[in-house]
């Protein structure tokens, strides 16, 4: 997200807000405050500082500090616009990356699929709840196509009914309580219907890379890795734009020029779709 060749890091107030969210022990935050503040560090420089002054950090705490400092640098840089929102799962490292966070409904459903009731009545209760869960999900999908204020109010009320009703299955009720606590992130789509309800497309792109690596094992040179990334990106982008990758490559290699640049096509398509952030300016 930094859009740089190498990650950069900074220690500032946002760094410590994130570390508090990550539940980093306060002793490490105090140690970090003894290091240079408001100074951009390269990866090598930052890790050297951690090695020298916080040498007893365990790997998990070190990762959290790196994540917080990298996110803080992203927010203070001015070379690119900071993304207003992301759709993701509820992993802690995603918090505070953007001003707004929309949670993935598919990931939320997976928490319920992990429940393993042994009693028949609990199994029935879970099945009935999941049926209602997906019916509600489909209502949210329909709302995105034709949003209106009255329906948004109804969907909010239905959310609370769905996730606060008590049942005889205690583990299910506890899981529903955890979901209800994420109401702002799960229902951000009611305020901004251009948001998707899940981030599966992003995950599918990553899975494609993994599948390719499993087939071809790995590249042998840096140039090969770069070529691999470029062509995988072209395949994914042309597919999303509804363009034949073969025809696109033939057009470029033959220099016919019938197919516009992908950037031009993206701009044209975005002008006909509600991709803008839908707040009303104050």
Protein backbone atom coordinates (compact mmCIF):
# COMPACT_ATOMS: atom_id res chain seq x y z
CA UNK A 1 0.00 0.00 0.00
CA UNK A 2 2.98 2.33 0.46
CA UNK A 3 3.66 2.06 -3.29
CA UNK A 4 7.43 2.02 -2.69
CA UNK A 5 10.17 -0.42 -3.68
CA UNK A 6 10.96 -1.04 -0.02
CA UNK A 7 8.84 -0.74 3.11
CA UNK A 8 9.47 2.34 5.22
CA UNK A 9 8.70 2.85 8.89
CA UNK A 10 8.08 5.71 11.31
CA UNK A 11 7.43 6.06 15.03
CA UNK A 12 4.69 8.58 15.85
CA UNK A 13 1.41 8.84 17.77
CA UNK A 14 -0.42 6.60 15.30
CA UNK A 15 2.24 3.92 15.76
CA UNK A 16 1.50 3.80 19.48
CA UNK A 17 -2.27 3.86 18.94
CA UNK A 18 -1.89 0.79 16.75
CA UNK A 19 0.40 -0.94 19.23
CA UNK A 20 -2.21 -0.37 21.93
CA UNK A 21 -4.81 -1.96 19.64
CA UNK A 22 -2.42 -4.87 19.09
CA UNK A 23 -2.06 -5.26 22.89
CA UNK A 24 1.70 -4.84 22.80
CA UNK A 25 3.11 -4.85 26.38
CA UNK A 26 3.64 -1.27 27.53
CA UNK A 27 7.31 -1.86 28.36
CA UNK A 28 8.10 -2.19 24.66
CA UNK A 29 6.20 1.00 23.82
CA UNK A 30 8.25 2.86 26.43
CA UNK A 31 11.43 1.50 24.87
CA UNK A 32 10.32 2.57 21.40
CA UNK A 33 9.72 6.13 22.62
CA UNK A 34 13.43 6.38 23.42
CA UNK A 35 14.21 5.93 19.72
CA UNK A 36 14.06 8.77 17.13
CA UNK A 37 10.46 9.86 16.56
CA UNK A 38 8.93 11.30 13.37
CA UNK A 39 11.89 9.91 11.40
CA UNK A 40 11.45 7.70 8.34
CA UNK A 41 13.48 4.47 8.42
CA UNK A 42 14.23 1.92 5.75
CA UNK A 43 13.64 -1.73 6.56
CA UNK A 44 17.33 -2.30 7.29
CA UNK A 45 17.58 0.80 9.50
CA UNK A 46 14.45 -0.01 11.48
CA UNK A 47 15.35 -3.63 12.08
CA UNK A 48 18.86 -2.61 13.14
CA UNK A 49 17.33 -0.29 15.76
CA UNK A 50 15.06 -3.07 17.02
CA UNK A 51 18.01 -5.46 17.24
CA UNK A 52 20.10 -2.94 19.16
CA UNK A 53 17.56 -1.48 21.59
CA UNK A 54 14.81 -4.11 21.81
CA UNK A 55 16.86 -7.24 21.33
CA UNK A 56 14.68 -9.40 23.59
CA UNK A 57 11.52 -8.91 21.51
CA UNK A 58 9.78 -12.15 20.64
CA UNK A 59 8.94 -12.65 16.93
CA UNK A 60 5.22 -11.89 17.37
CA UNK A 61 5.81 -8.57 19.15
CA UNK A 62 8.47 -7.63 16.60
CA UNK A 63 6.00 -8.25 13.76
CA UNK A 64 3.36 -6.10 15.45
CA UNK A 65 5.83 -3.22 15.86
CA UNK A 66 6.85 -3.48 12.20
CA UNK A 67 3.21 -3.50 11.09
CA UNK A 68 2.31 -0.49 13.23
CA UNK A 69 5.32 1.55 12.10
CA UNK A 70 4.71 0.69 8.43
CA UNK A 71 1.03 1.66 8.65
CA UNK A 72 1.97 4.91 10.41
CA UNK A 73 4.41 5.77 7.62
CA UNK A 74 1.71 5.06 5.03
CA UNK A 75 -0.63 7.53 6.71
CA UNK A 76 1.90 10.35 7.00
CA UNK A 77 3.33 10.13 3.46
CA UNK A 78 1.94 12.49 0.80
CA UNK A 79 3.10 10.86 -2.45
CA UNK A 80 -0.13 8.88 -2.91
CA UNK A 81 -3.67 9.23 -1.58
CA UNK A 82 -4.45 7.20 1.51
CA UNK A 83 -7.18 4.64 0.82
CA UNK A 84 -10.42 5.60 2.58
CA UNK A 85 -11.65 2.08 3.25
CA UNK A 86 -10.78 -1.58 2.79
CA UNK A 87 -12.87 -4.74 2.88
CA UNK A 88 -11.10 -7.45 4.87
CA UNK A 89 -11.41 -10.01 7.63
CA UNK A 90 -11.16 -8.99 11.28
CA UNK A 91 -7.43 -9.63 11.72
CA UNK A 92 -5.99 -6.95 14.06
CA UNK A 93 -3.31 -5.76 11.62
CA UNK A 94 -6.00 -4.29 9.34
CA UNK A 95 -7.35 -1.95 12.01
CA UNK A 96 -6.49 1.74 11.58
CA UNK A 97 -4.95 1.19 8.13
CA UNK A 98 -7.83 3.28 6.83
CA UNK A 99 -10.41 5.61 8.36
CA UNK A 100 -13.16 3.08 7.62
CA UNK A 101 -13.10 -0.70 7.74
CA UNK A 102 -15.71 -2.96 6.13
CA UNK A 103 -15.66 -6.57 7.26
CA UNK A 104 -16.04 -9.50 4.90
CA UNK A 105 -19.31 -11.39 5.42
CA UNK A 106 -17.85 -14.61 4.01
CA UNK A 107 -15.11 -14.58 6.64
CA UNK A 108 -17.70 -13.87 9.33
CA UNK A 109 -19.73 -16.90 8.23
CA UNK A 110 -16.67 -19.13 8.61
CA UNK A 111 -16.72 -18.55 12.37
CA UNK A 112 -20.13 -20.22 12.52
CA UNK A 113 -19.06 -23.10 10.29
CA UNK A 114 -16.35 -23.91 12.84
CA UNK A 115 -18.99 -24.67 15.47
CA UNK A 116 -19.42 -28.43 15.96
CA UNK A 117 -22.55 -29.14 18.01
CA UNK A 118 -23.00 -32.74 19.17
CA UNK A 119 -26.58 -32.52 20.39
CA UNK A 120 -29.25 -32.88 17.70
CA UNK A 121 -31.25 -29.86 18.87
CA UNK A 122 -28.10 -27.69 18.76
CA UNK A 123 -27.33 -28.94 15.25
CA UNK A 124 -30.83 -27.96 14.16
CA UNK A 125 -30.50 -24.55 15.84
CA UNK A 126 -27.23 -23.88 14.03
CA UNK A 127 -28.63 -25.00 10.66
CA UNK A 128 -31.67 -22.75 11.07
CA UNK A 129 -29.47 -19.81 12.07
CA UNK A 130 -27.17 -20.27 9.06
CA UNK A 131 -30.21 -20.35 6.79
CA UNK A 132 -31.33 -16.99 8.23
CA UNK A 133 -27.75 -15.68 8.01
CA UNK A 134 -27.54 -16.30 4.26
CA UNK A 135 -31.04 -14.96 3.65
CA UNK A 136 -29.97 -11.74 5.37
CA UNK A 137 -26.78 -11.69 3.31
CA UNK A 138 -28.84 -11.92 0.11
CA UNK A 139 -30.96 -8.98 1.29
CA UNK A 140 -27.77 -6.93 1.68
CA UNK A 141 -26.77 -7.88 -1.86
CA UNK A 142 -30.15 -6.73 -3.15
CA UNK A 143 -29.85 -3.48 -1.19
CA UNK A 144 -26.59 -2.64 -2.94
CA UNK A 145 -28.39 -2.68 -6.28
CA UNK A 146 -31.17 -0.32 -5.17
CA UNK A 147 -30.29 1.37 -1.87
CA UNK A 148 -32.83 3.47 0.01
CA UNK A 149 -33.06 4.85 3.54
CA UNK A 150 -36.16 2.92 4.61
CA UNK A 151 -34.65 -0.42 3.63
CA UNK A 152 -31.41 0.49 5.39
CA UNK A 153 -33.35 1.01 8.64
CA UNK A 154 -35.13 -2.32 8.21
CA UNK A 155 -31.84 -4.13 7.59
CA UNK A 156 -30.29 -2.59 10.71
CA UNK A 157 -33.22 -3.76 12.82
CA UNK A 158 -33.05 -7.23 11.28
CA UNK A 159 -29.32 -7.38 12.03
CA UNK A 160 -29.95 -6.86 15.74
CA UNK A 161 -32.76 -9.39 15.74
CA UNK A 162 -30.62 -11.99 14.01
CA UNK A 163 -27.54 -11.58 16.18
CA UNK A 164 -29.07 -10.89 19.62
CA UNK A 165 -31.79 -13.55 19.81
CA UNK A 166 -31.08 -16.11 22.51
CA UNK A 167 -31.16 -19.84 21.84
CA UNK A 168 -30.51 -23.05 23.75
CA UNK A 169 -27.07 -23.31 22.10
CA UNK A 170 -24.71 -21.25 24.28
CA UNK A 171 -21.69 -21.36 21.93
CA UNK A 172 -23.81 -20.06 19.06
CA UNK A 173 -25.11 -17.20 21.20
CA UNK A 174 -21.56 -16.25 22.17
CA UNK A 175 -20.50 -16.27 18.54
CA UNK A 176 -23.48 -14.07 17.65
CA UNK A 177 -22.51 -11.66 20.43
CA UNK A 178 -19.06 -11.28 18.86
CA UNK A 179 -20.63 -10.61 15.47
CA UNK A 180 -23.01 -8.01 16.92
CA UNK A 181 -20.00 -6.14 18.32
CA UNK A 182 -18.81 -5.58 14.73
CA UNK A 183 -22.05 -3.96 13.57
CA UNK A 184 -20.37 -0.76 12.30
CA UNK A 185 -17.91 -2.65 10.11
CA UNK A 186 -20.39 -5.25 8.83
CA UNK A 187 -23.10 -2.71 7.98
CA UNK A 188 -20.90 0.00 6.48
CA UNK A 189 -22.40 -1.10 3.17
CA UNK A 190 -25.73 0.47 4.21
CA UNK A 191 -24.05 3.89 4.15
CA UNK A 192 -21.82 3.13 1.16
CA UNK A 193 -23.57 0.59 -1.11
CA UNK A 194 -20.70 0.64 -3.61
CA UNK A 195 -18.72 -1.50 -1.17
CA UNK A 196 -18.59 -5.26 -1.84
CA UNK A 197 -19.77 -7.58 0.92
CA UNK A 198 -16.70 -9.80 0.75
CA UNK A 199 -13.07 -9.71 -0.35
CA UNK A 200 -12.98 -13.05 -2.16
CA UNK A 201 -11.81 -11.52 -5.48
CA UNK A 202 -8.66 -10.26 -3.77
CA UNK A 203 -8.06 -13.64 -2.17
CA UNK A 204 -8.65 -15.46 -5.46
CA UNK A 205 -5.86 -13.44 -7.07
CA UNK A 206 -3.49 -14.49 -4.31
CA UNK A 207 -4.58 -18.12 -4.62
CA UNK A 208 -3.87 -18.02 -8.36
CA UNK A 209 -0.29 -17.02 -7.60
CA UNK A 210 0.04 -19.88 -5.11
CA UNK A 211 -1.37 -22.38 -7.60
CA UNK A 212 1.04 -21.17 -10.26
CA UNK A 213 3.94 -21.50 -7.84
CA UNK A 214 2.88 -25.04 -6.92
CA UNK A 215 2.86 -26.00 -10.61
CA UNK A 216 6.08 -24.28 -11.69
CA UNK A 217 7.76 -24.41 -8.27
CA UNK A 218 9.68 -21.12 -8.44
CA UNK A 219 11.60 -18.73 -10.65
CA UNK A 220 15.38 -18.86 -10.80
CA UNK A 221 16.15 -15.17 -11.29
CA UNK A 222 14.82 -11.80 -10.17
CA UNK A 223 13.95 -11.01 -13.78
CA UNK A 224 11.89 -14.19 -13.94
CA UNK A 225 10.00 -13.22 -10.79
CA UNK A 226 9.26 -9.77 -12.21
CA UNK A 227 8.06 -11.23 -15.53
CA UNK A 228 5.90 -13.72 -13.64
CA UNK A 229 4.27 -10.94 -11.59
CA UNK A 230 3.70 -8.73 -14.65
CA UNK A 231 1.99 -11.43 -16.70
CA UNK A 232 -0.09 -12.74 -13.81
CA UNK A 233 -1.27 -9.15 -13.24
CA UNK A 234 -2.10 -8.76 -16.94
CA UNK A 235 -4.08 -12.01 -16.95
CA UNK A 236 -6.07 -10.96 -13.87
CA UNK A 237 -6.71 -7.41 -15.13
CA UNK A 238 -7.84 -8.43 -18.62
CA UNK A 239 -10.15 -11.05 -17.13
CA UNK A 240 -11.79 -8.46 -14.85
CA UNK A 241 -12.23 -6.10 -17.81
CA UNK A 242 -13.79 -8.80 -19.98
CA UNK A 243 -10.92 -8.77 -22.48
CA UNK A 244 -9.30 -11.86 -23.98
CA UNK A 245 -5.73 -12.03 -22.68
CA UNK A 246 -4.68 -13.81 -25.89
CA UNK A 247 -6.21 -11.07 -28.06
CA UNK A 248 -4.66 -8.38 -25.87
CA UNK A 249 -1.18 -9.90 -26.19
CA UNK A 250 -1.62 -10.44 -29.95
CA UNK A 251 -2.64 -6.79 -30.32
CA UNK A 252 0.41 -5.60 -28.40
CA UNK A 253 2.97 -7.91 -30.04
CA UNK A 254 1.69 -7.18 -33.55
CA UNK A 255 1.39 -3.46 -32.66
CA UNK A 256 -2.04 -3.30 -34.30
CA UNK A 257 -3.34 -1.01 -31.57
CA UNK A 258 -7.01 -1.97 -31.76
CA UNK A 259 -7.27 -2.49 -27.99
CA UNK A 260 -6.83 0.67 -25.88
CA UNK A 261 -4.50 0.67 -22.89
CA UNK A 262 -5.83 -1.12 -19.82
CA UNK A 263 -5.69 2.16 -17.90
CA UNK A 264 -7.96 3.81 -20.46
CA UNK A 265 -10.45 0.93 -20.30
CA UNK A 266 -10.48 1.04 -16.50
CA UNK A 267 -11.24 4.77 -16.51
CA UNK A 268 -14.02 4.30 -19.07
CA UNK A 269 -15.64 1.46 -17.12
CA UNK A 270 -15.37 3.28 -13.80
CA UNK A 271 -17.29 6.25 -15.22
CA UNK A 272 -20.32 3.98 -15.70
CA UNK A 273 -20.14 2.30 -12.28
CA UNK A 274 -20.76 3.67 -8.77
CA UNK A 275 -17.17 3.27 -7.62
CA UNK A 276 -17.02 6.66 -5.91
CA UNK A 277 -17.05 6.93 -2.12
CA UNK A 278 -20.66 7.83 -1.43
CA UNK A 279 -20.49 10.28 1.45
CA UNK A 280 -22.31 13.57 1.27
CA UNK A 281 -19.82 16.45 1.70
CA UNK A 282 -20.47 18.64 4.71
